[in-house]
Amino acid sequence: MVQKLLMTTDPVGGVWTYSMELCKELSARGIHILLASLGGELTETQRKQAKKIKFLHLEASNFRLEWMRDPWQDTEKASGWLATLEEGFTPDIIHLNQYCFGCLSWNAPVVMVGHSCVASWWNAVKNSSLPEEWTRYKQTVKTGLQCADCVIAPTKAMLTSLRKHYGLYRRGTVIPNGRTTRYFKPGLKENFIFTAGRIWDEGKNIRVLAEVARSIPWPDSRLADFSTLANTSWLRK
């Protein structure tokens, strides 16, 4: 029976939300979690979120991850940091939300979740394969997936995409993302049009909405200066 779990996360985008939701449910079942955050500084709000979870202990770092610019010295240092955390915590299972730590000398079984990847993003948005500068990234992801005891993806499409871009791995299964409804109480709607997404991520295609906003018959249907932000690449930022 799993009593202790070491999980990695990052504070950017949906991985943090996923981690918080999962940790709440695991904690409610009496499982103790050591949550190791990498890839950026946590906000005060995020720290407060983690602190509210009963059996969760948070360890935060700012090590860059494999999809960021010039990450490899950081991923090597992060590997040592994670190994030390495991040695002190002795978890029953390792839950990785990044690829680059799959082949560390873990003492517990490794579950790796494929939320997204650069190769699938590039293929969908650029309609081409990753350029040569991403060779090390691609090999790192491939090796991490192959080392994991089980690879999980939120959809069959993502699981298939991982196989397509990085080859076969030991075992894979689909576990859809879930959210508890208690955080989403219905209420009166306000009279505005809203969209959410990273402006600098071409895959979100907010440029199209910005262009349409100028022509629709809606009060204040405009966006702030979008052109500068839209030309900023999110990859290895």
Protein backbone atom coordinates (compact mmCIF):
# COMPACT_ATOMS: atom_id res chain seq x y z
CA MET A 1 0.00 0.00 0.00
CA VAL A 2 1.29 3.46 -0.92
CA GLN A 3 1.79 5.62 2.14
CA LYS A 4 4.36 8.13 0.91
CA LEU A 5 4.77 9.70 -2.52
CA LEU A 6 7.38 12.02 -3.99
CA MET A 7 5.95 14.21 -6.74
CA THR A 8 7.63 16.75 -9.00
CA THR A 9 5.77 19.77 -10.33
CA ASP A 10 6.31 23.20 -11.82
CA PRO A 11 4.53 26.51 -11.17
CA VAL A 12 3.83 27.32 -14.83
CA GLY A 13 0.43 26.58 -16.34
CA GLY A 14 -1.77 23.57 -15.73
CA VAL A 15 0.78 21.24 -14.14
CA TRP A 16 0.56 23.15 -10.86
CA THR A 17 -3.25 23.00 -10.87
CA TYR A 18 -3.10 19.27 -11.64
CA SER A 19 -0.62 18.70 -8.81
CA MET A 20 -2.67 20.62 -6.24
CA GLU A 21 -5.87 18.79 -7.12
CA LEU A 22 -4.18 15.38 -6.99
CA CYS A 23 -2.33 16.14 -3.75
CA LYS A 24 -5.58 17.18 -2.05
CA GLU A 25 -7.22 13.88 -2.96
CA LEU A 26 -4.19 11.82 -1.97
CA SER A 27 -3.90 13.63 1.34
CA ALA A 28 -7.58 13.01 2.05
CA ARG A 29 -6.74 9.31 1.78
CA GLY A 30 -3.94 9.58 4.31
CA ILE A 31 -1.04 9.59 1.84
CA HIS A 32 1.94 11.80 2.71
CA ILE A 33 3.37 13.75 -0.24
CA LEU A 34 6.71 15.45 -0.71
CA LEU A 35 6.13 17.94 -3.54
CA ALA A 36 9.28 19.15 -5.29
CA SER A 37 8.71 22.25 -7.42
CA LEU A 38 11.10 23.14 -10.26
CA GLY A 39 11.12 25.48 -13.24
CA GLY A 40 10.33 28.85 -11.68
CA GLU A 41 9.59 30.81 -8.55
CA LEU A 42 6.40 30.00 -6.71
CA THR A 43 3.99 32.82 -6.02
CA GLU A 44 2.80 33.51 -2.50
CA THR A 45 -0.65 32.27 -3.54
CA GLN A 46 0.82 28.96 -4.70
CA ARG A 47 2.70 28.53 -1.43
CA LYS A 48 -0.50 29.16 0.50
CA GLN A 49 -2.32 26.59 -1.66
CA ALA A 50 0.26 23.95 -0.82
CA LYS A 51 0.30 24.84 2.88
CA LYS A 52 -3.44 24.14 3.16
CA ILE A 53 -3.00 20.49 2.19
CA LYS A 54 -2.66 18.43 5.36
CA PHE A 55 -0.09 15.78 4.49
CA LEU A 56 1.84 17.81 1.93
CA HIS A 57 5.39 19.03 2.43
CA LEU A 58 6.63 21.47 -0.23
CA GLU A 59 10.24 21.81 -1.36
CA ALA A 60 10.70 24.66 -3.86
CA SER A 61 13.54 25.31 -6.28
CA ASN A 62 14.15 27.42 -9.38
CA PHE A 63 16.04 24.84 -11.49
CA ARG A 64 15.31 25.13 -15.20
CA LEU A 65 13.57 22.22 -16.92
CA GLU A 66 14.32 20.43 -20.17
CA TRP A 67 12.10 22.62 -22.38
CA MET A 68 13.70 25.87 -21.18
CA ARG A 69 16.68 27.73 -22.60
CA ASP A 70 20.11 26.19 -21.77
CA PRO A 71 18.70 23.93 -19.04
CA TRP A 72 21.22 21.12 -18.82
CA GLN A 73 23.40 22.35 -15.96
CA ASP A 74 20.25 23.00 -13.99
CA THR A 75 18.70 19.61 -14.72
CA GLU A 76 21.91 17.95 -13.54
CA LYS A 77 21.86 19.92 -10.28
CA ALA A 78 18.16 19.23 -9.89
CA SER A 79 18.81 15.52 -10.27
CA GLY A 80 21.13 15.59 -7.27
CA TRP A 81 18.62 17.65 -5.30
CA LEU A 82 15.82 15.17 -6.02
CA ALA A 83 18.02 12.21 -5.11
CA THR A 84 18.68 13.83 -1.72
CA LEU A 85 14.97 14.44 -1.20
CA GLU A 86 14.18 10.80 -1.97
CA GLU A 87 16.87 9.56 0.39
CA GLY A 88 15.45 11.60 3.25
CA PHE A 89 11.78 10.90 2.54
CA THR A 90 11.95 7.24 1.39
CA PRO A 91 8.75 7.33 -0.72
CA ASP A 92 6.86 4.25 -1.89
CA ILE A 93 6.41 5.70 -5.38
CA ILE A 94 7.83 8.50 -7.54
CA HIS A 95 5.36 10.62 -9.54
CA LEU A 96 7.11 12.71 -12.19
CA ASN A 97 5.40 15.53 -14.07
CA GLN A 98 8.58 16.16 -16.11
CA TYR A 99 10.49 13.87 -18.46
CA CYS A 100 14.11 14.68 -17.69
CA PHE A 101 14.22 12.90 -14.31
CA GLY A 102 12.91 9.54 -15.47
CA CYS A 103 16.29 7.80 -15.54
CA LEU A 104 17.62 8.84 -12.16
CA SER A 105 18.62 5.99 -9.87
CA TRP A 106 15.30 5.99 -8.06
CA ASN A 107 14.73 3.45 -5.29
CA ALA A 108 10.96 3.37 -5.87
CA PRO A 109 8.79 2.71 -8.95
CA VAL A 110 8.38 5.66 -11.29
CA VAL A 111 5.11 6.94 -12.75
CA MET A 112 5.59 9.64 -15.40
CA VAL A 113 2.76 11.87 -16.62
CA GLY A 114 2.97 13.30 -20.13
CA HIS A 115 0.98 16.52 -19.97
CA SER A 116 2.48 17.98 -23.14
CA CYS A 117 5.77 18.07 -25.06
CA VAL A 118 7.65 20.31 -27.45
CA ALA A 119 7.66 17.78 -30.30
CA SER A 120 3.88 17.44 -30.39
CA TRP A 121 3.47 21.21 -29.99
CA TRP A 122 5.89 21.87 -32.83
CA ASN A 123 4.22 19.34 -35.08
CA ALA A 124 0.75 20.78 -34.44
CA VAL A 125 1.67 24.47 -34.59
CA LYS A 126 4.59 24.54 -37.04
CA ASN A 127 3.52 21.48 -39.06
CA SER A 128 7.08 20.16 -39.04
CA SER A 129 9.54 18.12 -36.98
CA LEU A 130 11.69 19.60 -34.25
CA PRO A 131 14.76 21.43 -35.59
CA GLU A 132 18.26 20.16 -34.86
CA GLU A 133 18.76 22.46 -31.87
CA TRP A 134 16.18 20.36 -30.01
CA THR A 135 18.04 17.05 -30.50
CA ARG A 136 19.21 16.81 -26.90
CA TYR A 137 15.75 17.66 -25.63
CA LYS A 138 14.19 14.93 -27.75
CA GLN A 139 16.72 12.33 -26.60
CA THR A 140 16.23 13.34 -22.96
CA VAL A 141 12.46 12.94 -23.21
CA LYS A 142 12.80 9.62 -25.04
CA THR A 143 15.17 8.22 -22.40
CA GLY A 144 13.01 9.46 -19.53
CA LEU A 145 9.89 7.82 -20.98
CA GLN A 146 11.70 4.53 -21.55
CA CYS A 147 12.99 4.45 -17.96
CA ALA A 148 9.59 5.04 -16.35
CA ASP A 149 7.72 2.02 -15.02
CA CYS A 150 4.46 3.49 -16.30
CA VAL A 151 3.64 6.45 -18.53
CA ILE A 152 0.33 8.22 -18.03
CA ALA A 153 -1.36 10.76 -20.31
CA PRO A 154 -4.66 12.61 -19.86
CA THR A 155 -5.91 11.54 -23.30
CA LYS A 156 -5.38 8.69 -25.75
CA ALA A 157 -4.26 11.28 -28.31
CA MET A 158 -1.42 12.46 -26.04
CA LEU A 159 -0.35 8.91 -25.24
CA THR A 160 -0.27 8.10 -28.96
CA SER A 161 1.65 11.32 -29.65
CA LEU A 162 4.35 10.38 -27.14
CA ARG A 163 4.83 7.03 -28.86
CA LYS A 164 4.90 8.72 -32.26
CA HIS A 165 7.59 11.25 -31.39
CA TYR A 166 9.73 9.32 -28.88
CA GLY A 167 9.19 5.62 -29.53
CA LEU A 168 7.96 2.78 -27.36
CA TYR A 169 8.12 2.64 -23.58
CA ARG A 170 7.37 -0.06 -21.02
CA ARG A 171 3.74 0.61 -20.25
CA GLY A 172 1.23 3.37 -20.90
CA THR A 173 -2.29 4.16 -19.78
CA VAL A 174 -4.79 7.01 -20.02
CA ILE A 175 -6.06 8.73 -16.88
CA PRO A 176 -8.21 11.76 -17.76
CA ASN A 177 -7.65 14.95 -15.80
CA GLY A 178 -10.38 15.63 -13.27
CA ARG A 179 -11.49 18.61 -11.21
CA THR A 180 -13.75 18.68 -8.19
CA THR A 181 -16.93 20.67 -8.79
CA ARG A 182 -16.90 22.37 -5.39
CA TYR A 183 -14.53 25.05 -6.70
CA PHE A 184 -16.80 26.01 -9.57
CA LYS A 185 -20.08 27.29 -8.17
CA PRO A 186 -22.45 28.75 -10.78
CA GLY A 187 -23.42 32.40 -10.42
CA LEU A 188 -24.76 35.38 -12.31
CA LYS A 189 -22.89 36.03 -15.54
CA GLU A 190 -21.42 39.42 -16.30
CA ASN A 191 -21.77 41.05 -19.70
CA PHE A 192 -18.34 40.53 -21.24
CA ILE A 193 -16.43 38.21 -23.58
CA PHE A 194 -13.44 36.52 -22.01
CA THR A 195 -10.64 34.27 -23.19
CA ALA A 196 -7.69 32.87 -21.26
CA GLY A 197 -4.35 31.60 -22.52
CA ARG A 198 -0.65 32.35 -22.73
CA ILE A 199 -0.40 35.19 -25.24
CA TRP A 200 3.16 34.22 -26.15
CA ASP A 201 2.19 30.63 -26.98
CA GLU A 202 1.34 30.38 -30.69
CA GLY A 203 -0.66 27.23 -29.97
CA LYS A 204 -3.28 29.26 -28.06
CA ASN A 205 -3.92 31.30 -31.25
CA ILE A 206 -4.99 34.41 -29.35
CA ARG A 207 -3.82 36.48 -32.31
CA VAL A 208 -7.00 35.45 -34.15
CA LEU A 209 -9.17 36.66 -31.27
CA ALA A 210 -7.26 39.93 -31.15
CA GLU A 211 -7.94 40.49 -34.83
CA VAL A 212 -11.63 39.59 -34.56
CA ALA A 213 -12.06 41.83 -31.50
CA ARG A 214 -11.59 44.92 -33.65
CA SER A 215 -14.59 44.10 -35.81
CA ILE A 216 -17.25 42.64 -33.52
CA PRO A 217 -20.12 44.87 -32.26
CA TRP A 218 -19.22 44.75 -28.58
CA PRO A 219 -18.34 47.57 -26.18
CA ASP A 220 -14.59 47.91 -25.60
CA SER A 221 -13.85 44.90 -27.83
CA ARG A 222 -10.13 45.43 -27.95
CA LEU A 223 -6.92 43.99 -26.53
CA ALA A 224 -3.78 45.69 -25.27
CA ASP A 225 -0.78 45.90 -27.60
CA PHE A 226 -0.76 42.29 -28.73
CA SER A 227 1.81 42.38 -31.50
CA THR A 228 4.89 42.57 -29.26
CA LEU A 229 3.75 39.79 -26.95
CA ALA A 230 2.66 37.55 -29.80
CA ASN A 231 6.14 37.53 -31.30
CA THR A 232 7.76 36.29 -28.08
CA SER A 233 8.44 32.56 -28.17
CA TRP A 234 7.62 30.54 -25.06
CA LEU A 235 10.14 27.85 -25.88
CA ARG A 236 13.26 27.97 -23.72
CA LYS A 237 12.29 31.35 -22.42
